[in-house]
C-alpha atoms as a PDB file:
ATOM      1  CA  MET A   1      92.260  84.036  72.149  1.00  0.00           C
ATOM      2  CA  ALA A   2      89.069  86.035  73.194  1.00  0.00           C
ATOM      3  CA  LEU A   3      88.755  85.170  76.417  1.00  0.00           C
ATOM      4  CA  ALA A   4      92.741  85.483  77.232  1.00  0.00           C
ATOM      5  CA  THR A   5      92.658  88.845  75.514  1.00  0.00           C
ATOM      6  CA  ALA A   6      89.305  90.053  77.882  1.00  0.00           C
ATOM      7  CA  GLY A   7      90.966  88.646  80.728  1.00  0.00           C
ATOM      8  CA  ALA A   8      93.915  90.609  80.318  1.00  0.00           C
ATOM      9  CA  ILE A   9      92.371  93.769  79.884  1.00  0.00           C
ATOM     10  CA  ALA A  10      89.810  93.061  82.565  1.00  0.00           C
ATOM     11  CA  PHE A  11      93.241  92.452  84.953  1.00  0.00           C
ATOM     12  CA  SER A  12      94.508  95.759  83.780  1.00  0.00           C
ATOM     13  CA  GLY A  13      91.432  97.825  85.094  1.00  0.00           C
ATOM     14  CA  LYS A  14      92.297  96.913  88.735  1.00  0.00           C
ATOM     15  CA  ALA A  15      95.183  99.785  88.436  1.00  0.00           C
ATOM     16  CA  ILE A  16      92.861 102.435  86.495  1.00  0.00           C
ATOM     17  CA  LEU A  17      89.618 101.955  89.711  1.00  0.00           C
ATOM     18  CA  ALA A  18      92.108 101.829  92.843  1.00  0.00           C
ATOM     19  CA  LYS A  19      93.255 105.309  91.198  1.00  0.00           C
ATOM     20  CA  LEU A  20      89.864 106.734  91.012  1.00  0.00           C
ATOM     21  CA  MET A  21      89.234 105.053  94.336  1.00  0.00           C
ATOM     22  CA  TYR A  22      92.005 107.008  95.971  1.00  0.00           C
ATOM     23  CA  ARG A  23      90.711 109.826  94.559  1.00  0.00           C
ATOM     24  CA  HIS A  24      87.658 109.766  97.535  1.00  0.00           C
ATOM     25  CA  GLY A  25      90.475 109.815 100.110  1.00  0.00           C
ATOM     26  CA  VAL A  26      91.063 105.835 100.790  1.00  0.00           C
ATOM     27  CA  ASP A  27      94.173 104.093 101.054  1.00  0.00           C
ATOM     28  CA  ALA A  28      95.461 100.863  99.970  1.00  0.00           C
ATOM     29  CA  VAL A  29      94.126  98.858 103.412  1.00  0.00           C
ATOM     30  CA  GLN A  30      90.295  99.439 103.122  1.00  0.00           C
ATOM     31  CA  VAL A  31      90.555  99.612  98.656  1.00  0.00           C
ATOM     32  CA  LEU A  32      91.961  95.811  99.469  1.00  0.00           C
ATOM     33  CA  PHE A  33      89.282  95.408 102.408  1.00  0.00           C
ATOM     34  CA  TRP A  34      86.410  96.004  99.756  1.00  0.00           C
ATOM     35  CA  ARG A  35      87.878  94.540  96.691  1.00  0.00           C
ATOM     36  CA  MET A  36      88.278  90.945  98.791  1.00  0.00           C
ATOM     37  CA  ALA A  37      85.691  90.879 101.024  1.00  0.00           C
ATOM     38  CA  LEU A  38      83.044  91.477  97.648  1.00  0.00           C
ATOM     39  CA  ALA A  39      85.193  88.707  96.192  1.00  0.00           C
ATOM     40  CA  LEU A  40      85.073  86.070  99.008  1.00  0.00           C
ATOM     41  CA  PRO A  41      81.711  84.504  98.357  1.00  0.00           C
ATOM     42  CA  LEU A  42      82.694  84.008  94.188  1.00  0.00           C
ATOM     43  CA  PHE A  43      85.880  82.143  95.498  1.00  0.00           C
ATOM     44  CA  LEU A  44      84.274  80.430  98.073  1.00  0.00           C
ATOM     45  CA  ALA A  45      81.952  79.481  95.388  1.00  0.00           C
ATOM     46  CA  LEU A  46      84.582  78.478  92.697  1.00  0.00           C
ATOM     47  CA  ALA A  47      86.860  75.982  95.363  1.00  0.00           C
ATOM     48  CA  TRP A  48      83.553  74.367  96.274  1.00  0.00           C
ATOM     49  CA  TRP A  49      82.721  74.323  92.068  1.00  0.00           C
ATOM     50  CA  ALA A  50      85.589  72.925  91.341  1.00  0.00           C
ATOM     51  CA  GLY A  51      86.382  70.025  94.222  1.00  0.00           C
ATOM     52  CA  ARG A  52      83.106  68.654  93.856  1.00  0.00           C
ATOM     53  CA  GLY A  53      83.547  64.760  94.194  1.00  0.00           C
ATOM     54  CA  LYS A  54      86.911  65.156  94.992  1.00  0.00           C
ATOM     55  CA  PRO A  55      88.557  64.603  98.486  1.00  0.00           C
ATOM     56  CA  ALA A  56      88.778  67.031 101.218  1.00  0.00           C
ATOM     57  CA  PHE A  57      91.931  68.609 101.324  1.00  0.00           C
ATOM     58  CA  THR A  58      94.393  67.067 103.694  1.00  0.00           C
ATOM     59  CA  ARG A  59      96.221  69.124 106.742  1.00  0.00           C
ATOM     60  CA  ARG A  60      98.999  68.935 104.360  1.00  0.00           C
ATOM     61  CA  ASP A  61      96.707  70.666 101.537  1.00  0.00           C
ATOM     62  CA  TRP A  62      95.897  73.343 103.411  1.00  0.00           C
ATOM     63  CA  LEU A  63      99.364  74.263 104.528  1.00  0.00           C
ATOM     64  CA  ALA A  64     100.116  75.168 101.377  1.00  0.00           C
ATOM     65  CA  ILE A  65      96.981  76.290 100.073  1.00  0.00           C
ATOM     66  CA  VAL A  66      97.556  79.117 103.256  1.00  0.00           C
ATOM     67  CA  GLY A  67     100.807  79.572 102.479  1.00  0.00           C
ATOM     68  CA  LEU A  68     100.146  80.170  98.831  1.00  0.00           C
ATOM     69  CA  GLY A  69      97.251  81.900  99.829  1.00  0.00           C
ATOM     70  CA  PHE A  70      99.241  84.584 101.527  1.00  0.00           C
ATOM     71  CA  CYS A  71     102.222  84.870  99.531  1.00  0.00           C
ATOM     72  CA  GLY A  72     100.614  84.959  95.820  1.00  0.00           C
ATOM     73  CA  TYR A  73      97.122  86.550  96.406  1.00  0.00           C
ATOM     74  CA  TYR A  74      97.512  88.672  99.561  1.00  0.00           C
ATOM     75  CA  LEU A  75     100.561  90.135  99.942  1.00  0.00           C
ATOM     76  CA  ALA A  76     101.137  90.667  95.898  1.00  0.00           C
ATOM     77  CA  SER A  77      97.579  92.894  96.152  1.00  0.00           C
ATOM     78  CA  LEU A  78      98.765  94.753  99.540  1.00  0.00           C
ATOM     79  CA  LEU A  79     102.192  95.546  97.855  1.00  0.00           C
ATOM     80  CA  ASP A  80     100.376  96.183  94.695  1.00  0.00           C
ATOM     81  CA  PHE A  81      97.830  98.759  96.038  1.00  0.00           C
ATOM     82  CA  MET A  82     100.235 100.295  97.993  1.00  0.00           C
ATOM     83  CA  GLY A  83     102.420 101.096  95.190  1.00  0.00           C
ATOM     84  CA  LEU A  84      99.877 102.187  93.240  1.00  0.00           C
ATOM     85  CA  MET A  85      99.181 105.264  95.477  1.00  0.00           C
ATOM     86  CA  TYR A  86     102.827 106.611  94.259  1.00  0.00           C
ATOM     87  CA  VAL A  87     103.093 105.629  90.583  1.00  0.00           C
ATOM     88  CA  THR A  88     100.936 105.838  87.155  1.00  0.00           C
ATOM     89  CA  ALA A  89      98.804 102.733  86.482  1.00  0.00           C
ATOM     90  CA  SER A  90     101.021 102.454  83.365  1.00  0.00           C
ATOM     91  CA  LEU A  91     104.660 102.261  85.251  1.00  0.00           C
ATOM     92  CA  GLU A  92     102.709 100.142  87.696  1.00  0.00           C
ATOM     93  CA  ARG A  93     101.339  97.520  84.790  1.00  0.00           C
ATOM     94  CA  LEU A  94     104.804  97.414  82.858  1.00  0.00           C
ATOM     95  CA  ILE A  95     106.757  96.494  85.679  1.00  0.00           C
ATOM     96  CA  LEU A  96     103.671  93.355  87.119  1.00  0.00           C
ATOM     97  CA  TYR A  97     104.696  92.341  83.581  1.00  0.00           C
ATOM     98  CA  LEU A  98     108.156  91.408  84.197  1.00  0.00           C
ATOM     99  CA  ASN A  99     107.088  88.482  86.135  1.00  0.00           C
ATOM    100  CA  PRO A 100     107.849  85.694  83.675  1.00  0.00           C
ATOM    101  CA  THR A 101     111.949  87.622  84.433  1.00  0.00           C
ATOM    102  CA  LEU A 102     111.101  87.033  88.266  1.00  0.00           C
ATOM    103  CA  VAL A 103     109.894  83.484  87.501  1.00  0.00           C
ATOM    104  CA  LEU A 104     112.853  83.025  85.740  1.00  0.00           C
ATOM    105  CA  LEU A 105     115.460  84.587  88.180  1.00  0.00           C
ATOM    106  CA  LEU A 106     113.686  82.404  91.603  1.00  0.00           C
ATOM    107  CA  SER A 107     113.310  78.911  89.522  1.00  0.00           C
ATOM    108  CA  VAL A 108     117.635  79.849  89.020  1.00  0.00           C
ATOM    109  CA  LEU A 109     118.030  80.001  92.677  1.00  0.00           C
ATOM    110  CA  LEU A 110     115.309  77.787  94.367  1.00  0.00           C
ATOM    111  CA  LEU A 111     114.986  75.138  91.550  1.00  0.00           C
ATOM    112  CA  GLY A 112     118.511  75.467  89.826  1.00  0.00           C
ATOM    113  CA  LYS A 113     117.897  75.961  86.999  1.00  0.00           C
ATOM    114  CA  ARG A 114     120.357  77.163  84.323  1.00  0.00           C
ATOM    115  CA  VAL A 115     119.342  80.639  82.342  1.00  0.00           C
ATOM    116  CA  SER A 116     120.790  81.074  79.046  1.00  0.00           C
ATOM    117  CA  ALA A 117     122.543  84.129  77.633  1.00  0.00           C
ATOM    118  CA  ARG A 118     119.385  84.253  75.267  1.00  0.00           C
ATOM    119  CA  GLN A 119     117.320  84.476  78.134  1.00  0.00           C
ATOM    120  CA  MET A 120     119.384  86.971  80.082  1.00  0.00           C
ATOM    121  CA  ILE A 121     119.405  89.294  76.739  1.00  0.00           C
ATOM    122  CA  ALA A 122     115.242  89.091  76.736  1.00  0.00           C
ATOM    123  CA  SER A 123     115.248  89.991  80.791  1.00  0.00           C
ATOM    124  CA  ALA A 124     117.293  93.312  80.345  1.00  0.00           C
ATOM    125  CA  ILE A 125     115.131  94.366  77.239  1.00  0.00           C
ATOM    126  CA  GLY A 126     112.353  94.157  79.802  1.00  0.00           C
ATOM    127  CA  TYR A 127     114.219  95.910  82.667  1.00  0.00           C
ATOM    128  CA  ALA A 128     115.490  98.382  80.239  1.00  0.00           C
ATOM    129  CA  GLY A 129     111.748  99.476  79.328  1.00  0.00           C
ATOM    130  CA  VAL A 130     110.422  99.639  82.914  1.00  0.00           C
ATOM    131  CA  LEU A 131     113.823 102.342  83.755  1.00  0.00           C
ATOM    132  CA  LEU A 132     112.654 104.132  80.442  1.00  0.00           C
ATOM    133  CA  VAL A 133     109.217 104.605  82.163  1.00  0.00           C
ATOM    134  CA  PHE A 134     110.359 105.128  85.731  1.00  0.00           C
ATOM    135  CA  GLY A 135     112.784 107.588  85.089  1.00  0.00           C
ATOM    136  CA  GLN A 136     110.404 109.785  83.307  1.00  0.00           C
ATOM    137  CA  GLU A 137     108.404 109.347  86.404  1.00  0.00           C
ATOM    138  CA  LEU A 138     110.895 109.964  88.803  1.00  0.00           C
ATOM    139  CA  GLY A 139     111.695 113.893  86.823  1.00  0.00           C
ATOM    140  CA  PHE A 140     107.979 114.593  87.032  1.00  0.00           C
ATOM    141  CA  GLN A 141     106.904 113.092  90.320  1.00  0.00           C
ATOM    142  CA  GLY A 142     109.864 112.700  92.618  1.00  0.00           C
ATOM    143  CA  ALA A 143     111.368 110.632  94.684  1.00  0.00           C
ATOM    144  CA  ASN A 144     108.278 108.877  95.690  1.00  0.00           C
ATOM    145  CA  VAL A 145     108.228 106.990  92.532  1.00  0.00           C
ATOM    146  CA  ALA A 146     110.869 105.311  93.408  1.00  0.00           C
ATOM    147  CA  LEU A 147     109.054 103.924  96.884  1.00  0.00           C
ATOM    148  CA  GLY A 148     106.046 102.747  94.745  1.00  0.00           C
ATOM    149  CA  SER A 149     108.063 101.122  92.106  1.00  0.00           C
ATOM    150  CA  ALA A 150     109.572  99.258  94.921  1.00  0.00           C
ATOM    151  CA  LEU A 151     106.155  97.853  96.457  1.00  0.00           C
ATOM    152  CA  VAL A 152     105.030  97.505  93.076  1.00  0.00           C
ATOM    153  CA  PHE A 153     108.040  95.604  92.304  1.00  0.00           C
ATOM    154  CA  GLY A 154     107.792  93.337  95.701  1.00  0.00           C
ATOM    155  CA  SER A 155     104.149  92.193  94.391  1.00  0.00           C
ATOM    156  CA  ALA A 156     105.560  91.321  91.446  1.00  0.00           C
ATOM    157  CA  LEU A 157     108.000  89.136  93.116  1.00  0.00           C
ATOM    158  CA  ALA A 158     105.598  87.671  95.635  1.00  0.00           C
ATOM    159  CA  TYR A 159     103.313  86.082  92.964  1.00  0.00           C
ATOM    160  CA  ALA A 160     106.272  85.222  91.008  1.00  0.00           C
ATOM    161  CA  LEU A 161     107.017  83.218  94.271  1.00  0.00           C
ATOM    162  CA  TYR A 162     103.706  81.866  94.171  1.00  0.00           C
ATOM    163  CA  LEU A 163     103.616  80.373  90.763  1.00  0.00           C
ATOM    164  CA  VAL A 164     107.257  78.709  91.649  1.00  0.00           C
ATOM    165  CA  ALA A 165     105.983  77.296  94.683  1.00  0.00           C
ATOM    166  CA  SER A 166     102.371  76.310  93.143  1.00  0.00           C
ATOM    167  CA  GLY A 167     103.100  73.741  90.591  1.00  0.00           C
ATOM    168  CA  GLU A 168     103.561  70.788  92.511  1.00  0.00           C
ATOM    169  CA  VAL A 169     100.158  71.834  94.197  1.00  0.00           C
ATOM    170  CA  VAL A 170      98.425  72.378  90.726  1.00  0.00           C
ATOM    171  CA  GLN A 171      99.014  69.592  89.527  1.00  0.00           C
ATOM    172  CA  ARG A 172      97.773  67.625  93.014  1.00  0.00           C
ATOM    173  CA  LEU A 173      94.272  69.683  93.402  1.00  0.00           C
ATOM    174  CA  GLY A 174      93.734  71.256  90.083  1.00  0.00           C
ATOM    175  CA  ALA A 175      94.121  75.287  88.894  1.00  0.00           C
ATOM    176  CA  LEU A 176      90.590  76.338  89.734  1.00  0.00           C
ATOM    177  CA  ARG A 177      89.999  74.328  93.174  1.00  0.00           C
ATOM    178  CA  LEU A 178      93.328  75.782  94.384  1.00  0.00           C
ATOM    179  CA  THR A 179      92.986  79.218  93.102  1.00  0.00           C
ATOM    180  CA  GLY A 180      89.285  79.184  94.243  1.00  0.00           C
ATOM    181  CA  ALA A 181      90.898  78.217  97.807  1.00  0.00           C
ATOM    182  CA  ALA A 182      94.331  79.748  97.830  1.00  0.00           C
ATOM    183  CA  THR A 183      92.184  83.205  97.191  1.00  0.00           C
ATOM    184  CA  SER A 184      89.452  82.776  99.789  1.00  0.00           C
ATOM    185  CA  VAL A 185      92.505  82.453 102.199  1.00  0.00           C
ATOM    186  CA  ALA A 186      94.096  85.822 100.625  1.00  0.00           C
ATOM    187  CA  CYS A 187      90.770  87.414 101.386  1.00  0.00           C
ATOM    188  CA  LEU A 188      90.688  86.184 104.957  1.00  0.00           C
ATOM    189  CA  PHE A 189      93.935  87.698 105.255  1.00  0.00           C
ATOM    190  CA  ALA A 190      92.650  91.176 103.642  1.00  0.00           C
ATOM    191  CA  ILE A 191      89.463  91.186 105.672  1.00  0.00           C
ATOM    192  CA  ALA A 192      90.910  91.064 109.165  1.00  0.00           C
ATOM    193  CA  GLN A 193      94.084  92.887 108.176  1.00  0.00           C
ATOM    194  CA  LEU A 194      91.711  95.978 107.989  1.00  0.00           C
ATOM    195  CA  PHE A 195      90.335  95.395 111.944  1.00  0.00           C
ATOM    196  CA  VAL A 196      94.071  95.131 112.689  1.00  0.00           C
ATOM    197  CA  LEU A 197      95.928  97.950 111.222  1.00  0.00           C
ATOM    198  CA  ARG A 198      92.857 100.759 111.790  1.00  0.00           C
ATOM    199  CA  PRO A 199      90.097 101.185 113.791  1.00  0.00           C
ATOM    200  CA  PRO A 200      86.825  99.525 112.781  1.00  0.00           C
ATOM    201  CA  SER A 201      85.430 103.086 111.422  1.00  0.00           C
ATOM    202  CA  ALA A 202      87.730 102.750 108.561  1.00  0.00           C
ATOM    203  CA  VAL A 203      84.741 100.308 107.043  1.00  0.00           C
ATOM    204  CA  ILE A 204      82.600 102.578 106.189  1.00  0.00           C
ATOM    205  CA  VAL A 205      83.806 104.794 103.022  1.00  0.00           C
ATOM    206  CA  PRO A 206      82.531 106.938 100.165  1.00  0.00           C
ATOM    207  CA  GLU A 207      79.865 105.662  97.950  1.00  0.00           C
ATOM    208  CA  PRO A 208      81.494 105.950  94.844  1.00  0.00           C
ATOM    209  CA  VAL A 209      84.367 103.878  96.293  1.00  0.00           C
ATOM    210  CA  LEU A 210      81.713 100.911  97.128  1.00  0.00           C
ATOM    211  CA  TRP A 211      80.729 100.899  93.445  1.00  0.00           C
ATOM    212  CA  LEU A 212      83.930 100.821  92.144  1.00  0.00           C
ATOM    213  CA  SER A 213      85.026  97.771  94.832  1.00  0.00           C
ATOM    214  CA  LEU A 214      82.427  95.795  93.397  1.00  0.00           C
ATOM    215  CA  LEU A 215      83.297  96.363  89.984  1.00  0.00           C
ATOM    216  CA  ASN A 216      86.291  95.484  91.211  1.00  0.00           C
ATOM    217  CA  ALA A 217      85.755  92.320  92.682  1.00  0.00           C
ATOM    218  CA  LEU A 218      83.608  91.337  89.904  1.00  0.00           C
ATOM    219  CA  PHE A 219      84.956  92.697  86.663  1.00  0.00           C
ATOM    220  CA  THR A 220      88.957  93.153  87.658  1.00  0.00           C
ATOM    221  CA  THR A 221      89.100  89.707  90.249  1.00  0.00           C
ATOM    222  CA  PHE A 222      86.813  87.034  89.882  1.00  0.00           C
ATOM    223  CA  ALA A 223      86.272  87.396  86.159  1.00  0.00           C
ATOM    224  CA  PRO A 224      89.775  87.459  84.753  1.00  0.00           C
ATOM    225  CA  VAL A 225      90.700  84.621  86.666  1.00  0.00           C
ATOM    226  CA  LEU A 226      87.857  82.529  84.909  1.00  0.00           C
ATOM    227  CA  MET A 227      88.401  83.445  81.361  1.00  0.00           C
ATOM    228  CA  VAL A 228      92.839  83.093  81.804  1.00  0.00           C
ATOM    229  CA  MET A 229      92.123  79.743  83.554  1.00  0.00           C
ATOM    230  CA  MET A 230      89.479  78.676  80.575  1.00  0.00           C
ATOM    231  CA  ALA A 231      91.376  79.964  77.884  1.00  0.00           C
ATOM    232  CA  ILE A 232      94.398  78.200  79.088  1.00  0.00           C
ATOM    233  CA  GLU A 233      92.602  74.742  79.062  1.00  0.00           C
ATOM    234  CA  ARG A 234      91.419  75.586  75.307  1.00  0.00           C
ATOM    235  CA  ILE A 235      94.401  76.860  73.958  1.00  0.00           C
ATOM    236  CA  GLY A 236      97.380  76.412  76.396  1.00  0.00           C
ATOM    237  CA  ALA A 237      99.442  78.563  78.565  1.00  0.00           C
ATOM    238  CA  THR A 238     102.119  79.839  75.691  1.00  0.00           C
ATOM    239  CA  LEU A 239      99.403  81.347  73.797  1.00  0.00           C
ATOM    240  CA  ALA A 240      97.421  82.365  76.680  1.00  0.00           C
ATOM    241  CA  SER A 241     100.046  84.499  77.827  1.00  0.00           C
ATOM    242  CA  GLN A 242     100.972  86.297  74.389  1.00  0.00           C
ATOM    243  CA  CYS A 243      97.416  87.252  74.332  1.00  0.00           C
ATOM    244  CA  GLY A 244      98.192  88.851  78.088  1.00  0.00           C
ATOM    245  CA  MET A 245     100.619  90.899  76.271  1.00  0.00           C
ATOM    246  CA  VAL A 246      97.385  93.416  75.403  1.00  0.00           C
ATOM    247  CA  GLY A 247      97.378  93.908  78.781  1.00  0.00           C
ATOM    248  CA  PRO A 248     100.015  97.275  79.339  1.00  0.00           C
ATOM    249  CA  MET A 249      98.814  98.727  76.238  1.00  0.00           C
ATOM    250  CA  SER A 250      94.962  98.591  77.676  1.00  0.00           C
ATOM    251  CA  THR A 251      96.740 100.092  80.821  1.00  0.00           C
ATOM    252  CA  ILE A 252      97.858 102.940  79.590  1.00  0.00           C
ATOM    253  CA  VAL A 253      94.946 103.707  76.910  1.00  0.00           C
ATOM    254  CA  LEU A 254      92.471 103.644  80.037  1.00  0.00           C
ATOM    255  CA  GLY A 255      95.066 105.466  82.253  1.00  0.00           C
ATOM    256  CA  VAL A 256      95.168 108.457  79.820  1.00  0.00           C
ATOM    257  CA  VAL A 257      91.487 108.367  79.212  1.00  0.00           C
ATOM    258  CA  LEU A 258      90.320 107.802  82.433  1.00  0.00           C
ATOM    259  CA  LEU A 259      93.144 109.498  84.725  1.00  0.00           C
ATOM    260  CA  GLY A 260      94.650 111.822  82.899  1.00  0.00           C
ATOM    261  CA  GLU A 261      97.942 110.582  82.613  1.00  0.00           C
ATOM    262  CA  PRO A 262     101.059 111.523  80.493  1.00  0.00           C
ATOM    263  CA  PHE A 263     100.690 109.959  77.312  1.00  0.00           C
ATOM    264  CA  THR A 264     104.822 110.343  75.821  1.00  0.00           C
ATOM    265  CA  GLY A 265     107.170 108.489  73.934  1.00  0.00           C
ATOM    266  CA  TRP A 266     109.011 107.542  76.713  1.00  0.00           C
ATOM    267  CA  VAL A 267     106.031 105.408  77.566  1.00  0.00           C
ATOM    268  CA  VAL A 268     106.146 104.306  74.278  1.00  0.00           C
ATOM    269  CA  ALA A 269     109.156 103.330  73.570  1.00  0.00           C
ATOM    270  CA  GLY A 270     109.105 101.813  77.545  1.00  0.00           C
ATOM    271  CA  THR A 271     106.196  99.730  76.737  1.00  0.00           C
ATOM    272  CA  VAL A 272     107.599  98.307  73.334  1.00  0.00           C
ATOM    273  CA  LEU A 273     110.657  97.124  74.884  1.00  0.00           C
ATOM    274  CA  VAL A 274     108.947  95.553  77.839  1.00  0.00           C
ATOM    275  CA  LEU A 275     106.431  93.549  75.227  1.00  0.00           C
ATOM    276  CA  LEU A 276     109.280  92.369  73.121  1.00  0.00           C
ATOM    277  CA  GLY A 277     111.736  91.177  76.325  1.00  0.00           C
ATOM    278  CA  VAL A 278     108.639  89.382  77.234  1.00  0.00           C
ATOM    279  CA  TRP A 279     108.131  88.070  74.045  1.00  0.00           C
ATOM    280  CA  LEU A 280     111.502  87.127  73.638  1.00  0.00           C
ATOM    281  CA  LEU A 281     111.457  85.252  76.769  1.00  0.00           C
ATOM    282  CA  ALA A 282     108.692  83.287  75.943  1.00  0.00           C
ATOM    283  CA  ARG A 283     109.903  82.777  72.580  1.00  0.00           C
ATOM    284  CA  TRP A 284     113.192  81.494  74.044  1.00  0.00           C
ATOM    285  CA  ARG A 285     112.450  79.636  76.727  1.00  0.00           C
ATOM    286  CA  HIS A 286     115.663  77.480  76.805  1.00  0.00           C
END
């Protein structure tokens, strides 16, 4: 439980670090480049370590790894960082926390699973919470909030698609080996992207951005992946996900303390509804 809780808090710090980096004049492409470039050696090492003594990847495995890495880690990360240019870290975390409802929706659409009335109620409660915080930000910051929220929602949708599609591959390759390989592929996409969309000089960023990127790669990217995986091995996915409910709260606290983001009754009410909706959805899985 300590590993799962620490992993959730570490994951939530990603948005805080991104917002701090944006204050130095960089954009989402540069932030993602440095995050992934610094994390790449770690994920390559993870893929190697988890694959010791196991058969080499087949062509089928590589196709799955490239597809999952593009969707679940590269595209999801890009849309998330782009969205953070327009919305607060608190709203970003609440939108991403709706991920279980999107997994449920995709399971219905793609796998033909049935959804119960209780699951629909739980999902509606979660979305009501996000709409509360969205409405407040829309009043304070204007139409860009809608664009940012749409981008972050797209990130959540991309990662939900990854979770739905990765089930069989995880069983075949193992969670750690797949995570290491797929994230390494995502890192290569992010590195190549900068040289396609920006001049080579875009690699040069202010020194504080480099230090924040190092923190981003180590403590809000690689470390939480390991902690959550280790937690799931020890206590199971259900209890680990429940420990993860501390994530939105830690993002709000860090956003208020480090970024000066507003802390209002609407934010509290929206957060409570999102956490309640996700908790109910986990409880009413059938």
